[in-house]
Amino acid sequence: MKIKTPGTNIPGRETLGRNTIDEQELVQRLKKGQQWAVNVLVDRYQNRLLKLAYGITMDMEDSQDVVQDVFVKAVKHIHGFRYKSSLWGWLRKITINACLNWKRKLKRRFKWHHQSLESENDPLLYKRTETILNPESILREKELNEKLMQAVKKLPEGNRVVFVLNTFEDLSYKEIAQTLNIRKGTVNSRLYHARKQIMAALNM
């Protein structure tokens, strides 16, 4: 099921592109019920929300359904947006809650790429080489990636969500705590155990 953007563009300034409108104006247009603003909202945030949702649901088709529901809910409740956070932060929190609710109903499969493990705030679990890949190194990388996918799949849900927010969104412990309404110490503990489990699976 693909996310579809309803409506057509309104002639005028809007045809200049999505980057000609700032966040505050976009919210105001959404609150006025302008269809073009809905198009801009989807165009601007769809890919980032899909990436985030996929990291939690472990299924791309389900992620597309979740994100479509998120946009419907966001437009419906846009009058409740009070600028206490960025529009992206608000959408991200809606998406996380939607994914967790979805996750409780269905079984998932998970695919993960080793690049996602890198974090600016913490030591790398995996370091990419700067050398040109040869067939042998490509095979080793493929085997490592398969092990990594299995390791992440086995993470408890709470640990995996924290792990995804840290690696996908590069959120700080404080930001993750605020997003999930948990203590910063809990974030630290869950991320520690997630990384420890993954490293053990990779024999690192």
C-alpha atoms as a PDB file:
ATOM      1  CA  MET A   1       0.000   0.000   0.000  1.00  0.00           C
ATOM      2  CA  LYS A   2       1.613   3.246  -1.146  1.00  0.00           C
ATOM      3  CA  ILE A   3       1.171   6.594   0.490  1.00  0.00           C
ATOM      4  CA  LYS A   4      -0.795   8.838  -1.809  1.00  0.00           C
ATOM      5  CA  THR A   5      -0.797  12.614  -1.660  1.00  0.00           C
ATOM      6  CA  PRO A   6      -4.349  13.883  -2.195  1.00  0.00           C
ATOM      7  CA  GLY A   7      -5.302  16.979  -4.123  1.00  0.00           C
ATOM      8  CA  THR A   8      -3.476  19.129  -6.633  1.00  0.00           C
ATOM      9  CA  ASN A   9      -1.206  22.121  -6.307  1.00  0.00           C
ATOM     10  CA  ILE A  10      -2.695  25.584  -6.088  1.00  0.00           C
ATOM     11  CA  PRO A  11      -1.229  27.949  -8.716  1.00  0.00           C
ATOM     12  CA  GLY A  12       0.921  30.785  -7.478  1.00  0.00           C
ATOM     13  CA  ARG A  13       3.740  30.911  -4.965  1.00  0.00           C
ATOM     14  CA  GLU A  14       3.301  27.246  -4.053  1.00  0.00           C
ATOM     15  CA  THR A  15       4.460  26.106  -7.479  1.00  0.00           C
ATOM     16  CA  LEU A  16       7.938  27.381  -6.639  1.00  0.00           C
ATOM     17  CA  GLY A  17       8.531  24.274  -4.519  1.00  0.00           C
ATOM     18  CA  ARG A  18       8.192  22.893  -1.044  1.00  0.00           C
ATOM     19  CA  ASN A  19      11.198  24.799   0.321  1.00  0.00           C
ATOM     20  CA  THR A  20       9.586  28.204  -0.260  1.00  0.00           C
ATOM     21  CA  ILE A  21       7.357  27.783   2.786  1.00  0.00           C
ATOM     22  CA  ASP A  22       8.695  27.697   6.338  1.00  0.00           C
ATOM     23  CA  GLU A  23       7.404  25.473   9.120  1.00  0.00           C
ATOM     24  CA  GLN A  24       5.290  28.091  10.856  1.00  0.00           C
ATOM     25  CA  GLU A  25       3.512  29.088   7.660  1.00  0.00           C
ATOM     26  CA  LEU A  26       2.997  25.444   6.750  1.00  0.00           C
ATOM     27  CA  VAL A  27       1.308  24.799  10.093  1.00  0.00           C
ATOM     28  CA  GLN A  28      -0.915  27.837   9.647  1.00  0.00           C
ATOM     29  CA  ARG A  29      -1.970  26.673   6.186  1.00  0.00           C
ATOM     30  CA  LEU A  30      -2.684  23.199   7.552  1.00  0.00           C
ATOM     31  CA  LYS A  31      -4.842  24.716  10.274  1.00  0.00           C
ATOM     32  CA  LYS A  32      -6.773  26.558   7.559  1.00  0.00           C
ATOM     33  CA  GLY A  33      -7.401  23.237   5.818  1.00  0.00           C
ATOM     34  CA  GLN A  34      -5.463  24.037   2.642  1.00  0.00           C
ATOM     35  CA  GLN A  35      -4.977  20.902   0.553  1.00  0.00           C
ATOM     36  CA  TRP A  36      -1.685  22.094  -0.887  1.00  0.00           C
ATOM     37  CA  ALA A  37      -0.244  22.273   2.617  1.00  0.00           C
ATOM     38  CA  VAL A  38      -1.085  18.596   3.093  1.00  0.00           C
ATOM     39  CA  ASN A  39       0.863  17.817  -0.084  1.00  0.00           C
ATOM     40  CA  VAL A  40       3.856  19.756   1.221  1.00  0.00           C
ATOM     41  CA  LEU A  41       3.667  18.018   4.601  1.00  0.00           C
ATOM     42  CA  VAL A  42       3.770  14.579   2.989  1.00  0.00           C
ATOM     43  CA  ASP A  43       6.461  15.523   0.493  1.00  0.00           C
ATOM     44  CA  ARG A  44       8.682  17.050   3.162  1.00  0.00           C
ATOM     45  CA  TYR A  45       8.480  14.369   5.858  1.00  0.00           C
ATOM     46  CA  GLN A  46       7.414  11.111   4.208  1.00  0.00           C
ATOM     47  CA  ASN A  47      10.850   9.584   3.610  1.00  0.00           C
ATOM     48  CA  ARG A  48      12.170  10.391   7.090  1.00  0.00           C
ATOM     49  CA  LEU A  49       9.061   8.966   8.747  1.00  0.00           C
ATOM     50  CA  LEU A  50       9.255   5.824   6.631  1.00  0.00           C
ATOM     51  CA  LYS A  51      12.858   5.272   7.664  1.00  0.00           C
ATOM     52  CA  LEU A  52      11.979   5.720  11.321  1.00  0.00           C
ATOM     53  CA  ALA A  53       8.878   3.521  11.116  1.00  0.00           C
ATOM     54  CA  TYR A  54      10.784   0.776   9.332  1.00  0.00           C
ATOM     55  CA  GLY A  55      13.338   0.644  12.106  1.00  0.00           C
ATOM     56  CA  ILE A  56      10.552  -0.137  14.589  1.00  0.00           C
ATOM     57  CA  THR A  57       8.028  -2.207  12.636  1.00  0.00           C
ATOM     58  CA  MET A  58      10.652  -4.188  10.699  1.00  0.00           C
ATOM     59  CA  ASP A  59       8.408  -4.296   7.646  1.00  0.00           C
ATOM     60  CA  MET A  60       8.290  -1.746   4.825  1.00  0.00           C
ATOM     61  CA  GLU A  61       4.691  -2.379   3.770  1.00  0.00           C
ATOM     62  CA  ASP A  62       3.488  -1.993   7.341  1.00  0.00           C
ATOM     63  CA  SER A  63       5.644   1.121   7.703  1.00  0.00           C
ATOM     64  CA  GLN A  64       3.923   2.688   4.696  1.00  0.00           C
ATOM     65  CA  ASP A  65       0.528   1.991   6.249  1.00  0.00           C
ATOM     66  CA  VAL A  66       1.651   3.426   9.583  1.00  0.00           C
ATOM     67  CA  VAL A  67       3.055   6.591   8.038  1.00  0.00           C
ATOM     68  CA  GLN A  68      -0.080   7.151   6.011  1.00  0.00           C
ATOM     69  CA  ASP A  69      -2.112   6.887   9.221  1.00  0.00           C
ATOM     70  CA  VAL A  70       0.309   9.314  10.878  1.00  0.00           C
ATOM     71  CA  PHE A  71      -0.322  11.933   8.208  1.00  0.00           C
ATOM     72  CA  VAL A  72      -4.079  11.496   8.530  1.00  0.00           C
ATOM     73  CA  LYS A  73      -3.847  11.865  12.299  1.00  0.00           C
ATOM     74  CA  ALA A  74      -1.475  14.835  12.069  1.00  0.00           C
ATOM     75  CA  VAL A  75      -3.775  16.742   9.724  1.00  0.00           C
ATOM     76  CA  LYS A  76      -6.791  15.904  11.875  1.00  0.00           C
ATOM     77  CA  HIS A  77      -5.125  17.113  15.074  1.00  0.00           C
ATOM     78  CA  ILE A  78      -2.993  19.938  13.652  1.00  0.00           C
ATOM     79  CA  HIS A  79      -4.927  22.473  15.759  1.00  0.00           C
ATOM     80  CA  GLY A  80      -3.384  20.820  18.810  1.00  0.00           C
ATOM     81  CA  PHE A  81       0.143  21.634  17.642  1.00  0.00           C
ATOM     82  CA  ARG A  82       1.415  24.417  19.940  1.00  0.00           C
ATOM     83  CA  TYR A  83       5.034  24.865  18.774  1.00  0.00           C
ATOM     84  CA  LYS A  84       6.411  23.344  21.978  1.00  0.00           C
ATOM     85  CA  SER A  85       8.582  21.243  19.681  1.00  0.00           C
ATOM     86  CA  SER A  86       9.415  21.286  16.002  1.00  0.00           C
ATOM     87  CA  LEU A  87       6.872  19.927  13.551  1.00  0.00           C
ATOM     88  CA  TRP A  88       9.270  17.065  12.852  1.00  0.00           C
ATOM     89  CA  GLY A  89       9.549  16.266  16.564  1.00  0.00           C
ATOM     90  CA  TRP A  90       5.759  16.208  16.836  1.00  0.00           C
ATOM     91  CA  LEU A  91       5.392  13.920  13.809  1.00  0.00           C
ATOM     92  CA  ARG A  92       8.173  11.685  15.085  1.00  0.00           C
ATOM     93  CA  LYS A  93       6.433  11.143  18.416  1.00  0.00           C
ATOM     94  CA  ILE A  94       3.133  10.325  16.689  1.00  0.00           C
ATOM     95  CA  THR A  95       4.975   7.852  14.468  1.00  0.00           C
ATOM     96  CA  ILE A  96       6.718   6.121  17.351  1.00  0.00           C
ATOM     97  CA  ASN A  97       3.444   5.637  19.234  1.00  0.00           C
ATOM     98  CA  ALA A  98       1.708   4.420  16.072  1.00  0.00           C
ATOM     99  CA  CYS A  99       4.494   1.926  15.391  1.00  0.00           C
ATOM    100  CA  LEU A 100       4.451   0.541  18.916  1.00  0.00           C
ATOM    101  CA  ASN A 101       0.682   0.065  18.737  1.00  0.00           C
ATOM    102  CA  TRP A 102       1.022  -1.582  15.342  1.00  0.00           C
ATOM    103  CA  LYS A 103       3.852  -3.769  16.599  1.00  0.00           C
ATOM    104  CA  ARG A 104       1.698  -5.299  19.287  1.00  0.00           C
ATOM    105  CA  LYS A 105      -0.733  -6.627  16.695  1.00  0.00           C
ATOM    106  CA  LEU A 106       1.515  -8.128  14.026  1.00  0.00           C
ATOM    107  CA  LYS A 107       4.690 -10.158  13.669  1.00  0.00           C
ATOM    108  CA  ARG A 108       7.588  -8.466  11.930  1.00  0.00           C
ATOM    109  CA  ARG A 109      10.674  -9.146   9.904  1.00  0.00           C
ATOM    110  CA  PHE A 110      13.640  -6.849  10.231  1.00  0.00           C
ATOM    111  CA  LYS A 111      16.371  -5.749   7.865  1.00  0.00           C
ATOM    112  CA  TRP A 112      19.261  -3.665   9.059  1.00  0.00           C
ATOM    113  CA  HIS A 113      22.352  -2.142   7.458  1.00  0.00           C
ATOM    114  CA  HIS A 114      25.587  -1.862   9.378  1.00  0.00           C
ATOM    115  CA  GLN A 115      25.858   1.841   8.572  1.00  0.00           C
ATOM    116  CA  SER A 116      22.937   2.465  10.933  1.00  0.00           C
ATOM    117  CA  LEU A 117      25.009   1.412  13.934  1.00  0.00           C
ATOM    118  CA  GLU A 118      27.227   4.462  13.746  1.00  0.00           C
ATOM    119  CA  SER A 119      26.645   7.229  16.282  1.00  0.00           C
ATOM    120  CA  GLU A 120      28.472  10.501  16.787  1.00  0.00           C
ATOM    121  CA  ASN A 121      27.936  10.335  20.535  1.00  0.00           C
ATOM    122  CA  ASP A 122      29.173   6.820  21.218  1.00  0.00           C
ATOM    123  CA  PRO A 123      31.973   4.486  20.080  1.00  0.00           C
ATOM    124  CA  LEU A 124      31.317   2.758  16.790  1.00  0.00           C
ATOM    125  CA  LEU A 125      30.227  -0.832  16.908  1.00  0.00           C
ATOM    126  CA  TYR A 126      31.424  -1.305  13.385  1.00  0.00           C
ATOM    127  CA  LYS A 127      34.118   0.532  11.430  1.00  0.00           C
ATOM    128  CA  ARG A 128      34.043   0.618   7.654  1.00  0.00           C
ATOM    129  CA  THR A 129      37.349   0.299   5.872  1.00  0.00           C
ATOM    130  CA  GLU A 130      38.549   2.876   3.395  1.00  0.00           C
ATOM    131  CA  THR A 131      39.910   0.253   1.013  1.00  0.00           C
ATOM    132  CA  ILE A 132      38.237  -0.785  -2.201  1.00  0.00           C
ATOM    133  CA  LEU A 133      36.045  -3.815  -1.611  1.00  0.00           C
ATOM    134  CA  ASN A 134      37.074  -7.050  -3.240  1.00  0.00           C
ATOM    135  CA  PRO A 135      34.947 -10.229  -3.553  1.00  0.00           C
ATOM    136  CA  GLU A 136      36.291 -11.607  -0.278  1.00  0.00           C
ATOM    137  CA  SER A 137      35.589  -8.429   1.696  1.00  0.00           C
ATOM    138  CA  ILE A 138      32.140  -8.127   0.118  1.00  0.00           C
ATOM    139  CA  LEU A 139      31.351 -11.657   1.302  1.00  0.00           C
ATOM    140  CA  ARG A 140      32.577 -10.881   4.807  1.00  0.00           C
ATOM    141  CA  GLU A 141      30.487  -7.732   4.896  1.00  0.00           C
ATOM    142  CA  LYS A 142      27.416  -9.636   3.733  1.00  0.00           C
ATOM    143  CA  GLU A 143      27.897 -12.256   6.443  1.00  0.00           C
ATOM    144  CA  LEU A 144      28.355  -9.550   9.069  1.00  0.00           C
ATOM    145  CA  ASN A 145      25.217  -7.783   7.901  1.00  0.00           C
ATOM    146  CA  GLU A 146      23.188 -10.994   8.145  1.00  0.00           C
ATOM    147  CA  LYS A 147      24.408 -11.570  11.702  1.00  0.00           C
ATOM    148  CA  LEU A 148      23.604  -7.985  12.563  1.00  0.00           C
ATOM    149  CA  MET A 149      20.062  -8.268  11.219  1.00  0.00           C
ATOM    150  CA  GLN A 150      19.462 -11.329  13.349  1.00  0.00           C
ATOM    151  CA  ALA A 151      20.923  -9.628  16.429  1.00  0.00           C
ATOM    152  CA  VAL A 152      18.735  -6.526  16.088  1.00  0.00           C
ATOM    153  CA  LYS A 153      15.690  -8.688  15.441  1.00  0.00           C
ATOM    154  CA  LYS A 154      16.211 -10.401  18.794  1.00  0.00           C
ATOM    155  CA  LEU A 155      16.408  -7.159  20.782  1.00  0.00           C
ATOM    156  CA  PRO A 156      13.545  -6.588  23.242  1.00  0.00           C
ATOM    157  CA  GLU A 157      11.124  -4.003  21.880  1.00  0.00           C
ATOM    158  CA  GLY A 158      12.023  -1.298  24.385  1.00  0.00           C
ATOM    159  CA  ASN A 159      15.737  -1.668  23.718  1.00  0.00           C
ATOM    160  CA  ARG A 160      15.235  -1.729  19.961  1.00  0.00           C
ATOM    161  CA  VAL A 161      13.160   1.465  19.930  1.00  0.00           C
ATOM    162  CA  VAL A 162      15.833   3.318  21.909  1.00  0.00           C
ATOM    163  CA  PHE A 163      18.483   1.880  19.606  1.00  0.00           C
ATOM    164  CA  VAL A 164      16.576   3.008  16.500  1.00  0.00           C
ATOM    165  CA  LEU A 165      16.066   6.536  17.809  1.00  0.00           C
ATOM    166  CA  ASN A 166      19.752   6.818  18.613  1.00  0.00           C
ATOM    167  CA  THR A 167      21.000   5.440  15.290  1.00  0.00           C
ATOM    168  CA  PHE A 168      18.316   6.602  12.853  1.00  0.00           C
ATOM    169  CA  GLU A 169      17.659  10.005  14.376  1.00  0.00           C
ATOM    170  CA  ASP A 170      20.905  10.526  16.307  1.00  0.00           C
ATOM    171  CA  LEU A 171      18.869  11.673  19.307  1.00  0.00           C
ATOM    172  CA  SER A 172      20.610  12.339  22.604  1.00  0.00           C
ATOM    173  CA  TYR A 173      19.680  10.368  25.719  1.00  0.00           C
ATOM    174  CA  LYS A 174      17.695  13.354  26.966  1.00  0.00           C
ATOM    175  CA  GLU A 175      15.760  13.688  23.691  1.00  0.00           C
ATOM    176  CA  ILE A 176      14.951   9.970  23.628  1.00  0.00           C
ATOM    177  CA  ALA A 177      13.772  10.121  27.244  1.00  0.00           C
ATOM    178  CA  GLN A 178      11.455  13.017  26.450  1.00  0.00           C
ATOM    179  CA  THR A 179      10.122  11.334  23.311  1.00  0.00           C
ATOM    180  CA  LEU A 180       9.317   8.052  25.066  1.00  0.00           C
ATOM    181  CA  ASN A 181       8.388   9.570  28.438  1.00  0.00           C
ATOM    182  CA  ILE A 182      10.992   7.526  30.281  1.00  0.00           C
ATOM    183  CA  ARG A 183      13.946   8.445  32.496  1.00  0.00           C
ATOM    184  CA  LYS A 184      17.316   9.275  31.001  1.00  0.00           C
ATOM    185  CA  GLY A 185      18.843   6.476  33.058  1.00  0.00           C
ATOM    186  CA  THR A 186      16.416   4.030  31.460  1.00  0.00           C
ATOM    187  CA  VAL A 187      17.523   5.169  28.017  1.00  0.00           C
ATOM    188  CA  ASN A 188      21.146   4.649  28.970  1.00  0.00           C
ATOM    189  CA  SER A 189      20.437   1.190  30.326  1.00  0.00           C
ATOM    190  CA  ARG A 190      18.399   0.052  27.317  1.00  0.00           C
ATOM    191  CA  LEU A 191      20.934   1.324  24.821  1.00  0.00           C
ATOM    192  CA  TYR A 192      23.776  -0.276  26.755  1.00  0.00           C
ATOM    193  CA  HIS A 193      22.073  -3.668  26.780  1.00  0.00           C
ATOM    194  CA  ALA A 194      21.083  -3.372  23.113  1.00  0.00           C
ATOM    195  CA  ARG A 195      24.649  -2.671  22.056  1.00  0.00           C
ATOM    196  CA  LYS A 196      26.027  -5.336  24.368  1.00  0.00           C
ATOM    197  CA  GLN A 197      23.685  -7.934  22.869  1.00  0.00           C
ATOM    198  CA  ILE A 198      24.564  -6.929  19.320  1.00  0.00           C
ATOM    199  CA  MET A 199      28.284  -6.947  19.995  1.00  0.00           C
ATOM    200  CA  ALA A 200      28.030 -10.372  21.608  1.00  0.00           C
ATOM    201  CA  ALA A 201      26.173 -11.692  18.553  1.00  0.00           C
ATOM    202  CA  LEU A 202      28.907 -10.297  16.323  1.00  0.00           C
ATOM    203  CA  ASN A 203      31.640 -11.696  18.583  1.00  0.00           C
ATOM    204  CA  MET A 204      33.126  -8.235  19.100  1.00  0.00           C
END
